[in-house]
Amino acid sequence: MARAATTADAFNAVAELRRRQILDLLAGGERAVNDLVELLGLAQPQVSKHLRVLREVGLVDVRDEGRQRMYRLNGRPLKIIHDWVSTFEQTWSRRFDQLDVVLEELKDTEAKDEN
């Protein structure tokens, strides 16, 4: 089965580590491409390629400021990912609660064995 294009949606776009790193950096505020290049330690063409993908799915907005291109995060397309992950939150919480019970039982057993 063919894999969906990285520009198909936010899920595919954020599947790549470098694009998630770019989003993390942009979460702190607007940045110029050269800042992203320096912070990521990547070549400018690589950063531009990732920014193009993020722009095509609407995760970043761009504006020209003189000779610089300034990028900023657009979090709206991330909502679909948030909503999907949220469906698992109740299951994870229940499992962590069960794990807490098991750990407490193990501590009680250890304490009894020491006495």
N, C-alpha and C. Protein backbone atom coordinates (compact mmCIF):
# COMPACT_ATOMS: atom_id res chain seq x y z
N MET A 1 0.85 -1.19 0.00
CA MET A 1 0.00 0.00 0.00
C MET A 1 0.89 1.24 0.00
N ALA A 2 0.59 2.17 -0.85
CA ALA A 2 1.39 3.37 -0.96
C ALA A 2 1.18 4.27 0.26
N ARG A 3 2.25 4.89 0.67
CA ARG A 3 2.21 5.81 1.81
C ARG A 3 1.66 7.15 1.36
N ALA A 4 0.87 7.78 2.22
CA ALA A 4 0.30 9.09 1.89
C ALA A 4 1.41 10.12 1.76
N ALA A 5 1.20 11.08 0.91
CA ALA A 5 2.18 12.16 0.73
C ALA A 5 2.31 12.95 2.02
N THR A 6 3.51 13.45 2.27
CA THR A 6 3.73 14.22 3.50
C THR A 6 2.94 15.51 3.50
N THR A 7 2.47 15.92 2.35
CA THR A 7 1.69 17.15 2.28
C THR A 7 0.20 16.88 2.33
N ALA A 8 -0.19 15.64 2.60
CA ALA A 8 -1.61 15.30 2.60
C ALA A 8 -2.35 15.89 3.79
N ASP A 9 -1.73 15.87 4.95
CA ASP A 9 -2.40 16.38 6.15
C ASP A 9 -1.38 16.59 7.26
N ALA A 10 -1.86 17.15 8.36
CA ALA A 10 -0.98 17.46 9.49
C ALA A 10 -0.34 16.20 10.07
N PHE A 11 -1.07 15.09 10.10
CA PHE A 11 -0.52 13.84 10.65
C PHE A 11 0.75 13.44 9.90
N ASN A 12 0.68 13.43 8.59
CA ASN A 12 1.85 13.05 7.79
C ASN A 12 2.97 14.07 7.90
N ALA A 13 2.61 15.33 7.96
CA ALA A 13 3.63 16.38 8.03
C ALA A 13 4.42 16.29 9.32
N VAL A 14 3.76 16.02 10.45
CA VAL A 14 4.48 15.98 11.73
C VAL A 14 5.09 14.61 12.02
N ALA A 15 4.93 13.68 11.11
CA ALA A 15 5.54 12.37 11.30
C ALA A 15 7.06 12.44 11.22
N GLU A 16 7.58 13.48 10.63
CA GLU A 16 9.02 13.64 10.45
C GLU A 16 9.61 14.46 11.59
N LEU A 17 10.66 13.93 12.21
CA LEU A 17 11.29 14.55 13.38
C LEU A 17 11.68 16.01 13.15
N ARG A 18 12.33 16.31 12.05
CA ARG A 18 12.82 17.67 11.81
C ARG A 18 11.66 18.66 11.73
N ARG A 19 10.55 18.24 11.14
CA ARG A 19 9.40 19.15 11.07
C ARG A 19 8.81 19.39 12.45
N ARG A 20 8.81 18.37 13.29
CA ARG A 20 8.35 18.58 14.67
C ARG A 20 9.29 19.54 15.40
N GLN A 21 10.58 19.42 15.15
CA GLN A 21 11.54 20.33 15.78
C GLN A 21 11.29 21.78 15.32
N ILE A 22 11.00 21.95 14.06
CA ILE A 22 10.69 23.29 13.55
C ILE A 22 9.45 23.84 14.24
N LEU A 23 8.43 23.02 14.37
CA LEU A 23 7.21 23.46 15.05
C LEU A 23 7.50 23.83 16.50
N ASP A 24 8.35 23.04 17.16
CA ASP A 24 8.73 23.36 18.55
C ASP A 24 9.40 24.73 18.62
N LEU A 25 10.29 25.00 17.69
CA LEU A 25 10.98 26.29 17.68
C LEU A 25 10.01 27.44 17.40
N LEU A 26 9.09 27.22 16.48
CA LEU A 26 8.13 28.26 16.13
C LEU A 26 7.08 28.46 17.21
N ALA A 27 6.90 27.48 18.08
CA ALA A 27 5.96 27.63 19.20
C ALA A 27 6.42 28.76 20.12
N GLY A 28 7.71 29.04 20.12
CA GLY A 28 8.26 30.12 20.93
C GLY A 28 8.12 31.49 20.28
N GLY A 29 7.65 31.52 19.05
CA GLY A 29 7.48 32.80 18.37
C GLY A 29 8.01 32.75 16.94
N GLU A 30 7.73 33.80 16.23
CA GLU A 30 8.12 33.92 14.83
C GLU A 30 9.64 33.89 14.68
N ARG A 31 10.10 33.24 13.61
CA ARG A 31 11.55 33.14 13.37
C ARG A 31 11.85 33.25 11.88
N ALA A 32 13.02 33.79 11.60
CA ALA A 32 13.52 33.85 10.23
C ALA A 32 14.09 32.49 9.85
N VAL A 33 14.11 32.21 8.56
CA VAL A 33 14.65 30.94 8.07
C VAL A 33 16.09 30.74 8.56
N ASN A 34 16.89 31.79 8.50
CA ASN A 34 18.29 31.66 8.92
C ASN A 34 18.42 31.28 10.39
N ASP A 35 17.50 31.77 11.23
CA ASP A 35 17.51 31.37 12.65
C ASP A 35 17.23 29.87 12.77
N LEU A 36 16.27 29.39 12.01
CA LEU A 36 15.93 27.97 12.06
C LEU A 36 17.10 27.11 11.57
N VAL A 37 17.75 27.57 10.51
CA VAL A 37 18.92 26.86 9.98
C VAL A 37 19.99 26.72 11.07
N GLU A 38 20.27 27.82 11.74
CA GLU A 38 21.30 27.82 12.78
C GLU A 38 20.91 26.94 13.97
N LEU A 39 19.68 27.07 14.41
CA LEU A 39 19.24 26.31 15.59
C LEU A 39 19.14 24.81 15.31
N LEU A 40 18.77 24.44 14.10
CA LEU A 40 18.63 23.03 13.75
C LEU A 40 19.94 22.40 13.29
N GLY A 41 20.89 23.22 12.87
CA GLY A 41 22.15 22.69 12.37
C GLY A 41 22.00 21.98 11.04
N LEU A 42 21.05 22.42 10.25
CA LEU A 42 20.81 21.83 8.93
C LEU A 42 21.16 22.84 7.85
N ALA A 43 21.30 22.35 6.64
CA ALA A 43 21.52 23.23 5.50
C ALA A 43 20.23 23.97 5.18
N GLN A 44 20.36 25.18 4.66
CA GLN A 44 19.20 26.01 4.35
C GLN A 44 18.21 25.31 3.41
N PRO A 45 18.67 24.61 2.36
CA PRO A 45 17.70 23.93 1.48
C PRO A 45 16.87 22.87 2.20
N GLN A 46 17.47 22.17 3.17
CA GLN A 46 16.72 21.17 3.93
C GLN A 46 15.63 21.83 4.77
N VAL A 47 15.99 22.91 5.45
CA VAL A 47 15.01 23.61 6.28
C VAL A 47 13.89 24.16 5.40
N SER A 48 14.24 24.73 4.27
CA SER A 48 13.23 25.27 3.36
C SER A 48 12.28 24.18 2.86
N LYS A 49 12.82 23.01 2.60
CA LYS A 49 11.98 21.89 2.15
C LYS A 49 10.96 21.52 3.23
N HIS A 50 11.42 21.43 4.47
CA HIS A 50 10.51 21.10 5.57
C HIS A 50 9.48 22.20 5.79
N LEU A 51 9.93 23.44 5.67
CA LEU A 51 9.00 24.56 5.83
C LEU A 51 7.94 24.56 4.73
N ARG A 52 8.32 24.17 3.53
CA ARG A 52 7.36 24.09 2.43
C ARG A 52 6.26 23.08 2.76
N VAL A 53 6.66 21.92 3.26
CA VAL A 53 5.68 20.89 3.64
C VAL A 53 4.75 21.42 4.73
N LEU A 54 5.33 22.03 5.74
CA LEU A 54 4.52 22.57 6.85
C LEU A 54 3.59 23.67 6.36
N ARG A 55 4.06 24.46 5.43
CA ARG A 55 3.23 25.54 4.87
C ARG A 55 2.08 24.96 4.04
N GLU A 56 2.35 23.91 3.27
CA GLU A 56 1.33 23.32 2.41
C GLU A 56 0.18 22.70 3.19
N VAL A 57 0.45 22.21 4.40
CA VAL A 57 -0.63 21.66 5.23
C VAL A 57 -1.20 22.70 6.18
N GLY A 58 -0.68 23.92 6.12
CA GLY A 58 -1.22 25.01 6.91
C GLY A 58 -0.69 25.12 8.33
N LEU A 59 0.38 24.39 8.65
CA LEU A 59 0.92 24.43 10.01
C LEU A 59 1.79 25.65 10.28
N VAL A 60 2.29 26.26 9.23
CA VAL A 60 3.06 27.50 9.41
C VAL A 60 2.57 28.54 8.40
N ASP A 61 2.69 29.77 8.81
CA ASP A 61 2.42 30.91 7.94
C ASP A 61 3.75 31.61 7.69
N VAL A 62 3.84 32.28 6.56
CA VAL A 62 5.07 32.97 6.22
C VAL A 62 4.75 34.39 5.77
N ARG A 63 5.68 35.29 6.08
CA ARG A 63 5.55 36.66 5.59
C ARG A 63 6.95 37.15 5.25
N ASP A 64 7.00 38.04 4.30
CA ASP A 64 8.28 38.64 3.92
C ASP A 64 8.50 39.88 4.76
N GLU A 65 9.73 40.00 5.25
CA GLU A 65 10.15 41.19 5.99
C GLU A 65 11.49 41.60 5.39
N GLY A 66 11.41 42.53 4.48
CA GLY A 66 12.63 42.90 3.76
C GLY A 66 13.09 41.71 2.93
N ARG A 67 14.34 41.31 3.14
CA ARG A 67 14.90 40.17 2.40
C ARG A 67 14.72 38.86 3.16
N GLN A 68 14.13 38.92 4.32
CA GLN A 68 13.95 37.71 5.12
C GLN A 68 12.53 37.18 4.99
N ARG A 69 12.42 35.86 5.15
CA ARG A 69 11.10 35.22 5.23
C ARG A 69 10.91 34.83 6.68
N MET A 70 9.83 35.30 7.27
CA MET A 70 9.54 35.06 8.67
C MET A 70 8.42 34.01 8.77
N TYR A 71 8.67 32.99 9.58
CA TYR A 71 7.71 31.90 9.75
C TYR A 71 7.13 31.93 11.15
N ARG A 72 5.85 31.58 11.23
CA ARG A 72 5.19 31.48 12.53
C ARG A 72 4.27 30.26 12.52
N LEU A 73 4.05 29.74 13.68
CA LEU A 73 3.20 28.56 13.86
C LEU A 73 1.74 28.92 13.67
N ASN A 74 1.03 28.04 13.01
CA ASN A 74 -0.43 28.12 12.93
C ASN A 74 -0.93 26.82 13.56
N GLY A 75 -1.37 26.88 14.79
CA GLY A 75 -1.74 25.68 15.54
C GLY A 75 -3.07 25.07 15.18
N ARG A 76 -3.91 25.77 14.44
CA ARG A 76 -5.24 25.24 14.12
C ARG A 76 -5.21 23.84 13.51
N PRO A 77 -4.35 23.56 12.52
CA PRO A 77 -4.33 22.21 11.95
C PRO A 77 -3.87 21.12 12.93
N LEU A 78 -3.24 21.52 14.04
CA LEU A 78 -2.83 20.54 15.04
C LEU A 78 -4.00 20.05 15.87
N LYS A 79 -5.12 20.74 15.83
CA LYS A 79 -6.28 20.35 16.64
C LYS A 79 -6.76 18.95 16.30
N ILE A 80 -6.72 18.57 15.05
CA ILE A 80 -7.17 17.24 14.67
C ILE A 80 -6.28 16.16 15.32
N ILE A 81 -4.98 16.45 15.43
CA ILE A 81 -4.07 15.52 16.10
C ILE A 81 -4.37 15.49 17.59
N HIS A 82 -4.56 16.66 18.18
CA HIS A 82 -4.91 16.74 19.61
C HIS A 82 -6.20 15.97 19.90
N ASP A 83 -7.20 16.16 19.07
CA ASP A 83 -8.47 15.47 19.28
C ASP A 83 -8.31 13.96 19.18
N TRP A 84 -7.53 13.50 18.23
CA TRP A 84 -7.32 12.07 18.06
C TRP A 84 -6.57 11.49 19.26
N VAL A 85 -5.50 12.14 19.69
CA VAL A 85 -4.72 11.66 20.83
C VAL A 85 -5.57 11.68 22.11
N SER A 86 -6.43 12.67 22.23
CA SER A 86 -7.28 12.78 23.42
C SER A 86 -8.19 11.58 23.60
N THR A 87 -8.53 10.90 22.50
CA THR A 87 -9.40 9.73 22.62
C THR A 87 -8.71 8.61 23.39
N PHE A 88 -7.40 8.64 23.46
CA PHE A 88 -6.65 7.60 24.17
C PHE A 88 -6.34 7.98 25.61
N GLU A 89 -6.57 9.22 25.96
CA GLU A 89 -6.19 9.71 27.29
C GLU A 89 -6.87 8.92 28.41
N GLN A 90 -8.14 8.61 28.27
CA GLN A 90 -8.85 7.87 29.31
C GLN A 90 -8.25 6.47 29.47
N THR A 91 -7.94 5.82 28.37
CA THR A 91 -7.33 4.49 28.43
C THR A 91 -5.98 4.55 29.12
N TRP A 92 -5.15 5.53 28.75
CA TRP A 92 -3.83 5.66 29.36
C TRP A 92 -3.95 5.93 30.85
N SER A 93 -4.86 6.81 31.23
CA SER A 93 -5.04 7.13 32.64
C SER A 93 -5.45 5.90 33.44
N ARG A 94 -6.35 5.12 32.89
CA ARG A 94 -6.80 3.89 33.55
C ARG A 94 -5.63 2.91 33.73
N ARG A 95 -4.82 2.78 32.70
CA ARG A 95 -3.68 1.86 32.78
C ARG A 95 -2.63 2.35 33.78
N PHE A 96 -2.40 3.64 33.81
CA PHE A 96 -1.45 4.18 34.79
C PHE A 96 -1.98 3.99 36.21
N ASP A 97 -3.29 4.15 36.39
CA ASP A 97 -3.89 3.91 37.71
C ASP A 97 -3.70 2.45 38.12
N GLN A 98 -3.89 1.54 37.18
CA GLN A 98 -3.68 0.12 37.46
C GLN A 98 -2.23 -0.17 37.81
N LEU A 99 -1.32 0.49 37.10
CA LEU A 99 0.10 0.32 37.39
C LEU A 99 0.43 0.83 38.78
N ASP A 100 -0.16 1.93 39.19
CA ASP A 100 0.05 2.45 40.54
C ASP A 100 -0.38 1.44 41.59
N VAL A 101 -1.50 0.77 41.35
CA VAL A 101 -1.98 -0.25 42.29
C VAL A 101 -0.98 -1.39 42.39
N VAL A 102 -0.49 -1.86 41.27
CA VAL A 102 0.49 -2.95 41.26
C VAL A 102 1.76 -2.53 41.98
N LEU A 103 2.23 -1.34 41.73
CA LEU A 103 3.45 -0.87 42.40
C LEU A 103 3.26 -0.77 43.91
N GLU A 104 2.12 -0.30 44.34
CA GLU A 104 1.83 -0.24 45.79
C GLU A 104 1.80 -1.64 46.39
N GLU A 105 1.22 -2.59 45.67
CA GLU A 105 1.18 -3.98 46.15
C GLU A 105 2.59 -4.54 46.27
N LEU A 106 3.43 -4.22 45.29
CA LEU A 106 4.82 -4.70 45.34
C LEU A 106 5.57 -4.08 46.52
N LYS A 107 5.36 -2.80 46.78
CA LYS A 107 5.99 -2.14 47.93
C LYS A 107 5.54 -2.79 49.23
N ASP A 108 4.23 -3.06 49.35
CA ASP A 108 3.69 -3.69 50.56
C ASP A 108 4.29 -5.08 50.76
N THR A 109 4.42 -5.83 49.68
CA THR A 109 5.00 -7.18 49.75
C THR A 109 6.45 -7.12 50.17
N GLU A 110 7.20 -6.15 49.61
CA GLU A 110 8.61 -5.98 49.99
C GLU A 110 8.75 -5.60 51.46
N ALA A 111 7.90 -4.71 51.90
CA ALA A 111 7.94 -4.27 53.29
C ALA A 111 7.65 -5.43 54.24
N LYS A 112 6.71 -6.27 53.89
CA LYS A 112 6.35 -7.44 54.73
C LYS A 112 7.50 -8.43 54.74
N ASP A 113 8.16 -8.62 53.59
CA ASP A 113 9.27 -9.56 53.51
C ASP A 113 10.47 -9.11 54.33
N GLU A 114 10.64 -7.78 54.46
CA GLU A 114 11.76 -7.25 55.23
C GLU A 114 11.54 -7.39 56.73
N ASN A 115 10.28 -7.48 57.15
CA ASN A 115 9.98 -7.58 58.59
C ASN A 115 10.02 -8.99 59.03
